[in-house]
Protein backbone atom coordinates (compact mmCIF):
# COMPACT_ATOMS: atom_id res chain seq x y z
CA ASN A 1 9.93 -6.95 -15.87
CA ASN A 2 7.12 -9.38 -16.48
CA PHE A 3 9.63 -11.58 -18.26
CA ILE A 4 12.19 -11.55 -15.49
CA LEU A 5 9.19 -12.28 -12.96
CA LEU A 6 8.01 -14.89 -15.10
CA ASN A 7 11.64 -16.45 -15.67
CA GLY A 8 12.33 -16.17 -11.80
CA LYS A 9 9.08 -18.63 -11.10
CA ILE A 10 10.03 -20.97 -14.03
CA LEU A 11 13.79 -21.17 -12.68
CA ALA A 12 12.37 -21.62 -9.07
CA ARG A 13 9.89 -24.43 -10.61
CA ALA A 14 12.83 -25.67 -12.36
CA TRP A 15 15.28 -25.66 -9.12
CA ASN A 16 12.47 -27.72 -6.94
CA ASP A 17 12.34 -30.18 -9.54
CA ILE A 18 16.24 -31.25 -9.85
CA GLN A 19 17.09 -30.31 -6.23
CA SER A 20 15.33 -33.52 -5.03
CA ILE A 21 17.59 -35.67 -7.46
CA LEU A 22 20.68 -33.75 -6.14
CA GLU A 23 19.66 -33.72 -2.46
CA SER A 24 19.31 -37.60 -2.86
CA HIS A 25 22.56 -37.88 -4.12
CA TYR A 26 24.28 -35.69 -1.62
CA GLN A 27 22.70 -37.68 1.17
CA LYS A 28 23.79 -41.03 -0.30
CA GLU A 29 27.59 -40.05 -1.72
CA GLY A 30 28.34 -36.89 0.13
CA ASP A 31 29.39 -33.62 -1.13
CA PHE A 32 30.17 -32.88 -4.60
CA PHE A 33 30.93 -30.41 -6.77
CA PHE A 34 28.19 -28.53 -9.03
CA PHE A 35 29.16 -25.58 -11.11
CA PHE A 36 32.49 -25.15 -9.51
CA PHE A 37 30.92 -25.00 -5.91
CA PRO A 38 30.18 -27.88 -3.32
CA TYR A 39 26.72 -28.73 -3.65
CA SER A 40 26.11 -27.82 0.06
CA ARG A 41 27.20 -24.50 -0.66
CA ALA A 42 25.72 -24.24 -4.06
CA ASN A 43 22.62 -25.23 -2.91
CA GLN A 44 22.08 -22.39 -0.62
CA LYS A 45 23.44 -19.72 -2.98
CA ILE A 46 20.99 -20.77 -6.07
CA VAL A 47 17.96 -20.64 -3.60
CA GLN A 48 18.93 -17.01 -2.49
CA LEU A 49 20.09 -15.96 -6.16
CA ILE A 50 16.19 -17.36 -7.26
CA LYS A 51 14.84 -15.70 -4.40
CA GLY A 52 16.78 -12.46 -5.03
CA ILE A 53 15.70 -12.33 -8.87
CA SER A 54 11.91 -12.85 -7.93
CA GLU A 55 12.06 -10.35 -5.30
CA GLY A 56 14.26 -7.78 -7.42
CA ALA A 57 11.51 -8.27 -10.41
CA GLU A 58 8.29 -7.76 -7.82
CA ARG A 59 10.09 -4.54 -6.30
CA ILE A 60 10.74 -3.15 -9.98
CA GLN A 61 7.19 -3.83 -11.01
CA LYS A 62 5.71 -2.04 -8.01
CA ILE A 63 8.22 0.92 -8.66
CA VAL A 64 7.26 0.98 -12.47
CA LYS A 65 3.21 0.80 -11.47
CA SER A 66 3.76 3.59 -8.70
CA LEU A 67 5.63 6.01 -11.64
CA LYS A 68 2.80 4.94 -13.93
CA ASP A 69 0.29 6.32 -11.49
CA PHE A 70 2.10 9.27 -10.45
CA SER A 71 2.45 10.21 -14.01
CA ARG A 72 -1.31 10.11 -14.88
CA GLN A 73 -2.83 11.11 -11.43
CA ASP A 74 -4.36 14.34 -13.25
CA HIS A 75 -5.95 12.43 -15.75
CA GLY A 76 -9.36 10.75 -15.39
CA GLU A 77 -12.62 12.81 -15.35
CA LEU A 78 -13.73 14.27 -12.14
CA ASN A 79 -17.50 14.29 -13.14
CA GLN A 80 -18.79 11.29 -10.86
CA LEU A 81 -21.03 11.71 -7.79
CA VAL A 82 -19.11 9.68 -5.61
CA ASP A 83 -20.31 8.19 -2.18
CA VAL A 84 -17.66 7.96 0.03
CA ASN A 85 -19.17 5.13 2.12
CA ALA A 86 -19.13 3.17 -1.01
CA VAL A 87 -15.42 4.15 -1.67
CA VAL A 88 -14.14 3.11 1.82
CA GLU A 89 -16.07 -0.31 1.53
CA SER A 90 -14.55 -1.14 -1.56
CA ALA A 91 -10.95 0.07 -0.70
CA ILE A 92 -11.27 -2.44 2.43
CA VAL A 93 -11.95 -5.26 0.43
CA ILE A 94 -9.07 -5.22 -1.70
CA VAL A 95 -6.58 -4.74 1.35
CA GLN A 96 -8.50 -6.87 3.69
CA ASN A 97 -6.00 -9.60 3.56
CA LEU A 98 -3.16 -7.26 4.53
CA ILE A 99 -5.37 -5.96 7.14
CA LYS A 100 -6.19 -9.42 8.54
CA LYS A 101 -2.28 -9.93 8.53
CA ARG A 102 -1.26 -7.10 10.47
CA THR A 103 -4.04 -6.54 13.20
CA GLN A 104 -6.82 -8.37 15.15
CA ASN A 105 -8.09 -5.24 16.05
CA PHE A 106 -9.86 -3.44 12.96
CA SER A 107 -13.24 -1.52 13.00
CA VAL A 108 -15.09 0.59 10.58
CA HIS A 109 -17.85 3.30 11.35
CA TYR A 110 -19.86 4.74 8.41
CA GLY A 111 -21.47 8.13 8.62
CA GLU A 112 -24.82 8.83 7.84
CA ASN A 113 -26.35 11.17 5.44
CA ILE A 114 -23.15 12.01 3.80
CA PRO A 115 -23.03 14.24 0.86
CA LYS A 116 -21.84 12.93 -2.48
CA VAL A 117 -18.32 14.18 -3.67
CA MET A 118 -17.91 15.07 -7.24
CA GLY A 119 -14.70 13.57 -8.37
CA ASN A 120 -13.38 10.01 -9.57
CA PHE A 121 -14.43 7.12 -7.33
CA GLN A 122 -11.19 5.17 -8.85
CA GLN A 123 -8.95 7.92 -7.61
CA LEU A 124 -10.58 8.22 -4.10
CA GLU A 125 -10.29 4.29 -3.65
CA GLN A 126 -6.61 4.59 -4.45
CA VAL A 127 -6.05 7.19 -1.67
CA VAL A 128 -8.47 5.08 0.79
CA ILE A 129 -6.04 1.89 -0.51
CA ASN A 130 -3.16 4.06 -0.05
CA LEU A 131 -3.64 5.28 3.90
CA LEU A 132 -5.05 1.76 4.90
CA THR A 133 -1.85 0.11 3.34
CA ASN A 134 0.65 2.62 5.40
CA ALA A 135 -1.45 2.22 8.46
CA CYS A 136 -1.15 -1.57 8.28
CA GLN A 137 2.45 -1.27 7.75
CA ALA A 138 3.07 0.88 10.53
CA ILE A 139 1.63 -1.68 12.87
CA PRO A 140 4.34 -3.89 14.67
CA GLU A 141 2.01 -6.02 16.57
CA PRO A 142 -1.30 -7.61 15.84
CA HIS A 143 -2.74 -6.27 18.98
CA ARG A 144 -2.47 -2.79 18.15
CA GLY A 145 -5.78 -1.29 16.37
CA LEU A 146 -6.65 0.22 13.02
CA LYS A 147 -9.62 2.23 12.55
CA ILE A 148 -11.41 3.81 9.52
CA SER A 149 -14.52 6.36 9.67
CA THR A 150 -16.27 8.76 7.34
CA ASP A 151 -18.19 11.75 8.74
CA TYR A 152 -19.58 14.90 7.53
CA ASP A 153 -18.69 18.04 9.61
CA SER A 154 -21.80 20.24 8.33
CA SER A 155 -20.16 23.45 10.32
CA ARG A 156 -17.49 23.60 8.06
CA LYS A 157 -19.10 21.68 4.96
CA LYS A 158 -16.46 18.92 4.74
CA ILE A 159 -16.63 15.42 4.29
CA LEU A 160 -13.89 13.62 6.31
CA ILE A 161 -12.44 10.11 5.89
CA LYS A 162 -10.29 9.34 8.98
CA VAL A 163 -7.69 6.24 9.26
CA ILE A 164 -6.22 6.21 12.62
CA ASP A 165 -3.60 3.60 13.45
CA GLU A 166 -1.77 2.54 16.73
CA GLY A 167 1.49 1.91 15.12
CA GLU A 168 4.83 3.27 15.44
CA GLY A 169 4.50 6.67 14.32
CA ILE A 170 6.39 9.19 12.14
CA THR A 171 8.96 11.35 13.67
CA PRO A 172 9.11 14.91 13.40
CA GLU A 173 12.02 14.86 10.79
CA ASN A 174 10.43 12.46 8.65
CA MET A 175 7.00 14.28 8.81
CA LYS A 176 8.62 17.20 7.22
CA HIS A 177 9.14 15.36 3.97
CA ILE A 178 6.36 12.68 4.18
CA MET A 179 4.29 13.98 1.53
CA ASP A 180 7.49 14.67 -0.85
CA PRO A 181 7.55 12.26 -4.02
CA PHE A 182 9.93 9.23 -3.54
CA PHE A 183 10.64 9.98 0.15
CA THR A 184 10.03 6.74 2.14
CA THR A 185 11.35 5.29 5.35
CA LYS A 186 10.25 1.75 3.86
CA ARG A 187 12.73 1.28 1.09
CA ASP A 188 14.08 -2.00 2.46
CA ALA A 189 10.44 -3.21 2.01
CA GLY A 190 10.01 -2.14 -1.62
CA GLY A 191 8.55 1.34 -0.64
CA THR A 192 8.75 3.67 -3.49
CA GLY A 193 7.86 6.93 -1.59
CA LEU A 194 4.72 7.68 -4.27
CA GLY A 195 1.83 6.71 -2.16
CA LEU A 196 1.03 9.77 -0.29
CA SER A 197 2.34 12.22 -2.64
CA ILE A 198 -0.15 10.78 -5.07
CA SER A 199 -2.92 10.59 -2.34
CA TYR A 200 -2.01 14.26 -1.49
CA ASN A 201 -2.59 15.32 -5.14
CA ILE A 202 -5.63 13.42 -5.78
CA ALA A 203 -7.09 15.05 -2.75
CA ARG A 204 -6.12 18.42 -4.00
CA ASN A 205 -7.26 17.84 -7.20
CA HIS A 206 -10.68 16.90 -5.66
CA GLY A 207 -10.86 20.50 -4.10
CA GLY A 208 -9.99 18.64 -0.40
CA ASP A 209 -6.74 18.18 1.37
CA LEU A 210 -4.84 15.51 3.16
CA HIS A 211 -3.53 15.83 6.82
CA LEU A 212 -1.24 13.52 8.75
CA HIS A 213 -0.90 13.77 12.67
CA SER A 214 1.45 11.20 14.50
CA VAL A 215 3.21 10.61 17.74
CA PRO A 216 6.23 8.49 17.57
CA GLY A 217 5.59 4.90 19.20
CA GLU A 218 1.76 5.88 19.31
CA GLY A 219 0.36 5.99 16.14
CA THR A 220 -0.78 8.19 13.30
CA THR A 221 -3.98 9.87 12.15
CA ALA A 222 -4.69 10.56 8.42
CA LEU A 223 -7.57 12.71 7.87
CA LEU A 224 -8.92 13.23 4.01
CA GLU A 225 -11.29 16.20 3.90
CA LEU A 226 -13.21 16.57 0.78
CA PRO A 227 -15.77 19.10 -0.17
CA PRO A 228 -19.41 18.04 -0.53
CA HIS A 229 -21.32 18.36 -3.91
CA ILE A 230 -23.95 20.98 -3.74
CA PRO A 231 -26.55 21.03 -6.40
CA GLU A 232 -26.96 24.36 -8.30
CA ASN A 233 -30.67 24.84 -6.96
CA GLU A 234 -29.66 24.66 -3.44
CA ASN A 235 -26.85 27.39 -4.01
CA LYS A 236 -29.72 29.78 -5.03
């Protein structure tokens, strides 16, 4: 797939180089045949073809990456003391360009005195990235908001990471399948349907859970719950 993606870029550069020559000839001499088609038609077809090759290769690359993530989601040591505020901060840095592109109303709240989680930093970061990406993709207009917060519910002994978007929401019918592997409402945009499934399994592997609540037309709330790490001497 990297070979296809690379060749797509090479084709695009090569076409840009020769197109100026062909276009100059077209403007001076009028239409002419180019690979059995009038140049005026071939020009559009070739541009669309090269664009299709590049976009198709990128979609394949995304699907392959998601499949690799899905196949190795149970791997990786869950033996790190993880600061969820650091996880959220790191995830925001990774998706900040997408956030800026989709909304002008983004806010973050970091809770204080939140216990650490025993787990894997990269896996939890991937969950937050997936939730933020989904939220961004659901926002149809830049004035609609996106919020992410961390907190600790001491009464339930749960660490909370909450992502709230004012996006299009999820229909009740789609909500029934939203955690199923390969289920997606964004296939035309390259969605693989693995992001939430991977996120849910990561949450469960950490002894936690992932909940979604949505109102069509108003937005969606994703709540990641994780158990705090309690040192052995505090259990006695």
